[in-house]
Amino acid sequence: MTYLLKKYWYIFVLSLFINLPILCFATIRTDKTLTLKGDTTLVEQFVRIENGYSQEGTFSTIYVISLDHSTLLQNYLVGNDSESSVENLADSYLHFTDDEIAQMGQIQHTASIEYALMSAYNAAMKKRPQICLDSKFDSVIVSYYAQGSDFRIGDKIIGINGILAKDDFDEFRKSFNNRKIGDRFQVMRNQKELSIEYNEKNQIFGGYSDYLLDEETAFPKFTIQKTNVGGPSGGLLQTLAIYNQLIEEDITKGRKIAGTGTIELDGSVGEIGGIQQKIYTAYEDHMEIFLCPENNYEDALVAYNKLKHPEKMKLYKISTFEEALEVLAQ
């Protein structure tokens, strides 16, 4: 081996000189985030309703591929793709690990399923009074915390100043909404209860209300399917798909319906990320209708107007669940 190194040392040096920059280019991570086209996913696979009504068409959500802390090579390759984007990762997210970001997505997706079930059942009750889904507020699940905070992703805030949400939700909500410096949160983390003071470093955090759905008394019964999909952006389409299984009328009318947008318990539809890549993806998968949150509409229109045959996929601006039903009734 020593003989070969002496004889061909220049080959080893040349190889190192060539490959080292390539290796660095492909492995050095940056504070950039990439968004690429993904794929459409049938919503029916997320929640199944027992003896639910069938449909001729389909509802599809759209996922995009997001890469945080992308490498120099990835940035270069994506930078030459007009249908993808390279942006600076928000400073407020630089302190999170990849695992934490993935956990955020799972929390958001779980909340969107809960909200979709509650919203769909409540809407369907107007047509079928025997429909029932009882729920109880359980906690606030932390999905974001500022750098230096005592909170962690997945923390469950179950009480404030000794007032537990399970005992007195109205008083808990009042205290939580009017929280002030010096208040103390009761938090569950890894099955252990902690006390976290609400102070300057713990002021900035985000969370989702978590509800316990009574599956035993629900009518009709439902089953939530396991999935690796993350994020809250499928909320609107999930609500539509569940609602369509609960009522006799088929609101798909045989059409391929896609879209995006979060759902809140009051029926409002919220904005999401990656809207342009979602437009391109839906079009390539031959969707006929795309439901777009109102606050994403202008950006969606930019991508929509670049489509070769935009008339093949109708784009609608949606701000509420009721508006979506009105559009699909046309």
Foldseek 3Di string as FASTA:
>chain_A
DVVVCVVPVVVVVVCCVPVVVVVQQQPQFDQKKKKAFDAKDFLCQFKPWVQFADAQATEIEGDIDMDGRHGNNVCVVQVVPPLMDMGGHDPQPPPDDPVLLLLLFAQQQVLLLVLLVLQLQVVLCVVVVVFDKDKAWAFWAWSGFGPPAPDGGGKTFQAKQPRGCRVPVVVRVVCVVVPDFQIWTFIADPNDTDIGGDHDRGVDTDTHTDMDIDQVPGPRHMDGHDDSGTHQWCNLSSNVVVNCRSDNDHLCNNFHEYETFGAHNVFFTHADPPLLSRLVNCVVVQHAEYEYEQVCVVVNVVSLVPDPCSNSHYYDYDTGSVVVSVVSVD
